[in-house]
Amino acid sequence: VLLEPIGHLKATVPDTSMGDIMGEINKRRG
C-alpha cells in the first residue's frame, strides 16, 4: 500500500473566517 505524509496544522484566523477555513480543511481531507 501507499503511505502519505500527514502534517500537524495550527491555523490562527479571525472568528469571521472560522467557517471557511474549517470547511477548507475538511475539503483537503483534513
All heavy atoms as atom14 arrays in JSON, in Angstrom:
{
  "sequence": "VLLEPIGHLKATVPDTSMGDIMGEINKRRG",
  "atom14_mask": [
    [1, 1, 1, 1, 1, 1, 1, 0, 0, 0, 0, 0, 0, 0],
    [1, 1, 1, 1, 1, 1, 1, 1, 0, 0, 0, 0, 0, 0],
    [1, 1, 1, 1, 1, 1, 1, 1, 0, 0, 0, 0, 0, 0],
    [1, 1, 1, 1, 1, 1, 1, 1, 1, 0, 0, 0, 0, 0],
    [1, 1, 1, 1, 1, 1, 1, 0, 0, 0, 0, 0, 0, 0],
    [1, 1, 1, 1, 1, 1, 1, 1, 0, 0, 0, 0, 0, 0],
    [1, 1, 1, 1, 0, 0, 0, 0, 0, 0, 0, 0, 0, 0],
    [1, 1, 1, 1, 1, 1, 1, 1, 1, 1, 0, 0, 0, 0],
    [1, 1, 1, 1, 1, 1, 1, 1, 0, 0, 0, 0, 0, 0],
    [1, 1, 1, 1, 1, 1, 1, 1, 1, 0, 0, 0, 0, 0],
    [1, 1, 1, 1, 1, 0, 0, 0, 0, 0, 0, 0, 0, 0],
    [1, 1, 1, 1, 1, 1, 1, 0, 0, 0, 0, 0, 0, 0],
    [1, 1, 1, 1, 1, 1, 1, 0, 0, 0, 0, 0, 0, 0],
    [1, 1, 1, 1, 1, 1, 1, 0, 0, 0, 0, 0, 0, 0],
    [1, 1, 1, 1, 1, 1, 1, 1, 0, 0, 0, 0, 0, 0],
    [1, 1, 1, 1, 1, 1, 1, 0, 0, 0, 0, 0, 0, 0],
    [1, 1, 1, 1, 1, 1, 0, 0, 0, 0, 0, 0, 0, 0],
    [1, 1, 1, 1, 1, 1, 1, 1, 0, 0, 0, 0, 0, 0],
    [1, 1, 1, 1, 0, 0, 0, 0, 0, 0, 0, 0, 0, 0],
    [1, 1, 1, 1, 1, 1, 1, 1, 0, 0, 0, 0, 0, 0],
    [1, 1, 1, 1, 1, 1, 1, 1, 0, 0, 0, 0, 0, 0],
    [1, 1, 1, 1, 1, 1, 1, 1, 0, 0, 0, 0, 0, 0],
    [1, 1, 1, 1, 0, 0, 0, 0, 0, 0, 0, 0, 0, 0],
    [1, 1, 1, 1, 1, 1, 1, 1, 1, 0, 0, 0, 0, 0],
    [1, 1, 1, 1, 1, 1, 1, 1, 0, 0, 0, 0, 0, 0],
    [1, 1, 1, 1, 1, 1, 1, 1, 0, 0, 0, 0, 0, 0],
    [1, 1, 1, 1, 1, 1, 1, 1, 1, 0, 0, 0, 0, 0],
    [1, 1, 1, 1, 1, 1, 1, 1, 1, 1, 1, 0, 0, 0],
    [1, 1, 1, 1, 1, 1, 1, 1, 1, 1, 1, 0, 0, 0],
    [1, 1, 1, 1, 0, 0, 0, 0, 0, 0, 0, 0, 0, 0]
  ],
  "atom14_positions": [
    [[0.86, -1.19, 0.0], [0.0, 0.0, 0.0], [0.89, 1.24, 0.0], [2.05, 1.2, 0.4], [-0.94, 0.04, 1.23], [-2.0, -1.02, 1.15], [-0.16, -0.04, 2.53], [0.0, 0.0, 0.0], [0.0, 0.0, 0.0], [0.0, 0.0, 0.0], [0.0, 0.0, 0.0], [0.0, 0.0, 0.0], [0.0, 0.0, 0.0], [0.0, 0.0, 0.0]],
    [[0.28, 2.34, -0.43], [0.98, 3.62, -0.45], [0.69, 4.38, 0.84], [-0.45, 4.41, 1.32], [0.5, 4.45, -1.65], [1.38, 5.63, -2.08], [2.69, 5.13, -2.68], [0.63, 6.49, -3.1], [0.0, 0.0, 0.0], [0.0, 0.0, 0.0], [0.0, 0.0, 0.0], [0.0, 0.0, 0.0], [0.0, 0.0, 0.0], [0.0, 0.0, 0.0]],
    [[1.72, 4.99, 1.42], [1.57, 5.82, 2.61], [1.79, 7.28, 2.23], [2.69, 7.59, 1.42], [2.58, 5.43, 3.69], [2.59, 3.99, 4.17], [3.67, 3.8, 5.23], [1.23, 3.59, 4.74], [0.0, 0.0, 0.0], [0.0, 0.0, 0.0], [0.0, 0.0, 0.0], [0.0, 0.0, 0.0], [0.0, 0.0, 0.0], [0.0, 0.0, 0.0]],
    [[0.99, 8.18, 2.78], [1.19, 9.6, 2.52], [1.58, 10.33, 3.8], [1.14, 9.96, 4.9], [-0.07, 10.23, 1.91], [-1.29, 10.25, 2.81], [-2.46, 10.99, 2.16], [-2.25, 11.69, 1.17], [-3.59, 10.84, 2.67], [0.0, 0.0, 0.0], [0.0, 0.0, 0.0], [0.0, 0.0, 0.0], [0.0, 0.0, 0.0], [0.0, 0.0, 0.0]],
    [[2.39, 11.4, 3.69], [2.78, 12.16, 4.88], [1.61, 13.01, 5.38], [0.91, 13.65, 4.6], [3.93, 13.04, 4.38], [3.73, 13.15, 2.91], [3.05, 11.89, 2.46], [0.0, 0.0, 0.0], [0.0, 0.0, 0.0], [0.0, 0.0, 0.0], [0.0, 0.0, 0.0], [0.0, 0.0, 0.0], [0.0, 0.0, 0.0], [0.0, 0.0, 0.0]],
    [[1.44, 13.01, 6.69], [0.4, 13.82, 7.35], [1.1, 14.88, 8.19], [2.09, 14.6, 8.88], [-0.49, 12.95, 8.26], [-1.12, 11.79, 7.45], [-1.57, 13.79, 8.92], [-2.09, 12.22, 6.37], [0.0, 0.0, 0.0], [0.0, 0.0, 0.0], [0.0, 0.0, 0.0], [0.0, 0.0, 0.0], [0.0, 0.0, 0.0], [0.0, 0.0, 0.0]],
    [[0.6, 16.11, 8.13], [1.19, 17.19, 8.91], [0.23, 17.72, 9.96], [-0.99, 17.56, 9.86], [0.0, 0.0, 0.0], [0.0, 0.0, 0.0], [0.0, 0.0, 0.0], [0.0, 0.0, 0.0], [0.0, 0.0, 0.0], [0.0, 0.0, 0.0], [0.0, 0.0, 0.0], [0.0, 0.0, 0.0], [0.0, 0.0, 0.0], [0.0, 0.0, 0.0]],
    [[0.82, 18.34, 10.99], [0.03, 18.95, 12.06], [-0.12, 20.44, 11.76], [0.86, 21.16, 11.6], [0.72, 18.75, 13.4], [-0.08, 19.26, 14.56], [0.48, 19.82, 15.68], [-1.43, 19.31, 14.77], [-0.47, 20.2, 16.51], [-1.63, 19.89, 15.99], [0.0, 0.0, 0.0], [0.0, 0.0, 0.0], [0.0, 0.0, 0.0], [0.0, 0.0, 0.0]],
    [[-1.36, 20.91, 11.66], [-1.66, 22.29, 11.29], [-2.18, 23.06, 12.51], [-3.07, 22.59, 13.21], [-2.73, 22.31, 10.19], [-3.32, 23.67, 9.81], [-2.28, 24.54, 9.1], [-4.55, 23.49, 8.92], [0.0, 0.0, 0.0], [0.0, 0.0, 0.0], [0.0, 0.0, 0.0], [0.0, 0.0, 0.0], [0.0, 0.0, 0.0], [0.0, 0.0, 0.0]],
    [[-1.6, 24.24, 12.75], [-2.14, 25.18, 13.74], [-2.39, 26.49, 13.0], [-1.44, 27.18, 12.63], [-1.17, 25.39, 14.9], [-1.11, 24.23, 15.88], [-0.22, 24.54, 17.07], [-0.96, 25.21, 18.19], [-1.86, 24.31, 18.9], [0.0, 0.0, 0.0], [0.0, 0.0, 0.0], [0.0, 0.0, 0.0], [0.0, 0.0, 0.0], [0.0, 0.0, 0.0]],
    [[-3.65, 26.79, 12.75], [-4.03, 27.98, 12.0], [-4.77, 28.95, 12.92], [-5.77, 28.58, 13.54], [-4.92, 27.61, 10.81], [0.0, 0.0, 0.0], [0.0, 0.0, 0.0], [0.0, 0.0, 0.0], [0.0, 0.0, 0.0], [0.0, 0.0, 0.0], [0.0, 0.0, 0.0], [0.0, 0.0, 0.0], [0.0, 0.0, 0.0], [0.0, 0.0, 0.0]],
    [[-4.26, 30.18, 12.99], [-4.91, 31.22, 13.79], [-5.59, 32.2, 12.84], [-4.91, 32.86, 12.04], [-3.9, 31.95, 14.68], [-3.27, 30.98, 15.54], [-4.58, 33.01, 15.54], [0.0, 0.0, 0.0], [0.0, 0.0, 0.0], [0.0, 0.0, 0.0], [0.0, 0.0, 0.0], [0.0, 0.0, 0.0], [0.0, 0.0, 0.0], [0.0, 0.0, 0.0]],
    [[-6.92, 32.27, 12.91], [-7.68, 33.07, 11.94], [-8.77, 33.86, 12.68], [-9.2, 33.46, 13.77], [-8.33, 32.18, 10.86], [-7.28, 31.43, 10.06], [-9.31, 31.19, 11.47], [0.0, 0.0, 0.0], [0.0, 0.0, 0.0], [0.0, 0.0, 0.0], [0.0, 0.0, 0.0], [0.0, 0.0, 0.0], [0.0, 0.0, 0.0], [0.0, 0.0, 0.0]],
    [[-9.24, 34.97, 12.09], [-10.33, 35.73, 12.73], [-11.59, 34.89, 12.87], [-11.84, 33.98, 12.06], [-10.55, 36.9, 11.76], [-9.31, 37.01, 10.96], [-8.76, 35.63, 10.87], [0.0, 0.0, 0.0], [0.0, 0.0, 0.0], [0.0, 0.0, 0.0], [0.0, 0.0, 0.0], [0.0, 0.0, 0.0], [0.0, 0.0, 0.0], [0.0, 0.0, 0.0]],
    [[-12.38, 35.2, 13.88], [-13.64, 34.48, 14.1], [-14.5, 34.44, 12.85], [-15.15, 33.44, 12.54], [-14.44, 35.14, 15.23], [-13.8, 34.89, 16.6], [-13.03, 33.93, 16.7], [-14.07, 35.66, 17.53], [0.0, 0.0, 0.0], [0.0, 0.0, 0.0], [0.0, 0.0, 0.0], [0.0, 0.0, 0.0], [0.0, 0.0, 0.0], [0.0, 0.0, 0.0]],
    [[-14.49, 35.55, 12.1], [-15.36, 35.66, 10.91], [-14.95, 34.69, 9.81], [-15.74, 34.39, 8.92], [-15.32, 37.09, 10.37], [-13.96, 37.5, 10.19], [-16.0, 38.07, 11.32], [0.0, 0.0, 0.0], [0.0, 0.0, 0.0], [0.0, 0.0, 0.0], [0.0, 0.0, 0.0], [0.0, 0.0, 0.0], [0.0, 0.0, 0.0], [0.0, 0.0, 0.0]],
    [[-13.71, 34.2, 9.84], [-13.23, 33.3, 8.79], [-13.23, 31.84, 9.22], [-12.85, 30.96, 8.44], [-11.8, 33.69, 8.38], [-11.73, 35.05, 8.01], [0.0, 0.0, 0.0], [0.0, 0.0, 0.0], [0.0, 0.0, 0.0], [0.0, 0.0, 0.0], [0.0, 0.0, 0.0], [0.0, 0.0, 0.0], [0.0, 0.0, 0.0], [0.0, 0.0, 0.0]],
    [[-13.63, 31.57, 10.46], [-13.55, 30.22, 11.0], [-14.26, 29.18, 10.14], [-13.71, 28.13, 9.81], [-14.16, 30.2, 12.41], [-13.19, 30.62, 13.49], [-12.04, 29.31, 13.87], [-13.14, 28.14, 14.64], [0.0, 0.0, 0.0], [0.0, 0.0, 0.0], [0.0, 0.0, 0.0], [0.0, 0.0, 0.0], [0.0, 0.0, 0.0], [0.0, 0.0, 0.0]],
    [[-15.5, 29.48, 9.76], [-16.29, 28.52, 8.98], [-15.63, 28.17, 7.67], [-15.55, 27.0, 7.29], [0.0, 0.0, 0.0], [0.0, 0.0, 0.0], [0.0, 0.0, 0.0], [0.0, 0.0, 0.0], [0.0, 0.0, 0.0], [0.0, 0.0, 0.0], [0.0, 0.0, 0.0], [0.0, 0.0, 0.0], [0.0, 0.0, 0.0], [0.0, 0.0, 0.0]],
    [[-15.14, 29.2, 6.96], [-14.49, 28.98, 5.66], [-13.25, 28.12, 5.81], [-13.01, 27.2, 5.02], [-14.11, 30.32, 5.02], [-15.33, 31.1, 4.55], [-16.35, 30.46, 4.23], [-15.28, 32.34, 4.52], [0.0, 0.0, 0.0], [0.0, 0.0, 0.0], [0.0, 0.0, 0.0], [0.0, 0.0, 0.0], [0.0, 0.0, 0.0], [0.0, 0.0, 0.0]],
    [[-12.42, 28.42, 6.82], [-11.16, 27.69, 6.99], [-11.43, 26.24, 7.39], [-10.81, 25.31, 6.85], [-10.26, 28.38, 8.04], [-9.89, 29.8, 7.58], [-9.01, 27.56, 8.29], [-9.08, 29.87, 6.31], [0.0, 0.0, 0.0], [0.0, 0.0, 0.0], [0.0, 0.0, 0.0], [0.0, 0.0, 0.0], [0.0, 0.0, 0.0], [0.0, 0.0, 0.0]],
    [[-12.37, 26.02, 8.29], [-12.67, 24.64, 8.7], [-13.26, 23.84, 7.54], [-12.94, 22.66, 7.36], [-13.63, 24.65, 9.89], [-12.95, 25.12, 11.17], [-14.05, 25.17, 12.6], [-14.36, 23.44, 12.88], [0.0, 0.0, 0.0], [0.0, 0.0, 0.0], [0.0, 0.0, 0.0], [0.0, 0.0, 0.0], [0.0, 0.0, 0.0], [0.0, 0.0, 0.0]],
    [[-14.11, 24.5, 6.75], [-14.65, 23.83, 5.56], [-13.55, 23.46, 4.59], [-13.56, 22.36, 4.0], [0.0, 0.0, 0.0], [0.0, 0.0, 0.0], [0.0, 0.0, 0.0], [0.0, 0.0, 0.0], [0.0, 0.0, 0.0], [0.0, 0.0, 0.0], [0.0, 0.0, 0.0], [0.0, 0.0, 0.0], [0.0, 0.0, 0.0], [0.0, 0.0, 0.0]],
    [[-12.57, 24.35, 4.44], [-11.46, 24.09, 3.52], [-10.58, 22.96, 4.03], [-10.1, 22.13, 3.24], [-10.63, 25.37, 3.35], [-9.56, 25.29, 2.28], [-10.11, 25.16, 0.87], [-11.31, 25.46, 0.65], [-9.35, 24.74, -0.02], [0.0, 0.0, 0.0], [0.0, 0.0, 0.0], [0.0, 0.0, 0.0], [0.0, 0.0, 0.0], [0.0, 0.0, 0.0]],
    [[-10.36, 22.9, 5.34], [-9.57, 21.81, 5.91], [-10.25, 20.47, 5.63], [-9.6, 19.49, 5.23], [-9.38, 22.02, 7.43], [-8.42, 23.2, 7.68], [-8.85, 20.76, 8.1], [-8.33, 23.62, 9.13], [0.0, 0.0, 0.0], [0.0, 0.0, 0.0], [0.0, 0.0, 0.0], [0.0, 0.0, 0.0], [0.0, 0.0, 0.0], [0.0, 0.0, 0.0]],
    [[-11.56, 20.41, 5.81], [-12.3, 19.17, 5.5], [-12.22, 18.82, 4.03], [-12.07, 17.65, 3.66], [-13.76, 19.33, 5.92], [-13.93, 19.37, 7.44], [-13.15, 18.74, 8.16], [-14.91, 20.11, 7.93], [0.0, 0.0, 0.0], [0.0, 0.0, 0.0], [0.0, 0.0, 0.0], [0.0, 0.0, 0.0], [0.0, 0.0, 0.0], [0.0, 0.0, 0.0]],
    [[-12.31, 19.85, 3.18], [-12.23, 19.63, 1.73], [-10.87, 19.06, 1.33], [-10.74, 18.33, 0.36], [-12.46, 20.97, 1.02], [-12.9, 20.83, -0.44], [-13.0, 22.19, -1.11], [-14.1, 23.03, -0.5], [-14.21, 24.35, -1.18], [0.0, 0.0, 0.0], [0.0, 0.0, 0.0], [0.0, 0.0, 0.0], [0.0, 0.0, 0.0], [0.0, 0.0, 0.0]],
    [[-9.85, 19.42, 2.12], [-8.49, 18.95, 1.83], [-8.18, 17.65, 2.58], [-7.01, 17.34, 2.84], [-7.48, 20.04, 2.2], [-7.55, 21.27, 1.31], [-6.72, 22.42, 1.85], [-6.92, 23.63, 1.07], [-6.06, 24.1, 0.17], [-4.94, 23.46, -0.07], [-6.33, 25.21, -0.51], [0.0, 0.0, 0.0], [0.0, 0.0, 0.0], [0.0, 0.0, 0.0]],
    [[-9.22, 16.92, 2.95], [-9.1, 15.62, 3.62], [-8.47, 15.74, 5.01], [-7.84, 14.81, 5.51], [-8.3, 14.62, 2.77], [-8.88, 14.35, 1.41], [-8.2, 13.19, 0.73], [-6.87, 13.52, 0.24], [-5.76, 12.91, 0.64], [-5.82, 11.94, 1.54], [-4.6, 13.26, 0.16], [0.0, 0.0, 0.0], [0.0, 0.0, 0.0], [0.0, 0.0, 0.0]],
    [[-8.61, 16.9, 5.63], [-8.05, 17.1, 6.97], [-9.02, 16.7, 8.06], [-10.21, 16.5, 7.83], [0.0, 0.0, 0.0], [0.0, 0.0, 0.0], [0.0, 0.0, 0.0], [0.0, 0.0, 0.0], [0.0, 0.0, 0.0], [0.0, 0.0, 0.0], [0.0, 0.0, 0.0], [0.0, 0.0, 0.0], [0.0, 0.0, 0.0], [0.0, 0.0, 0.0]]
  ]
}
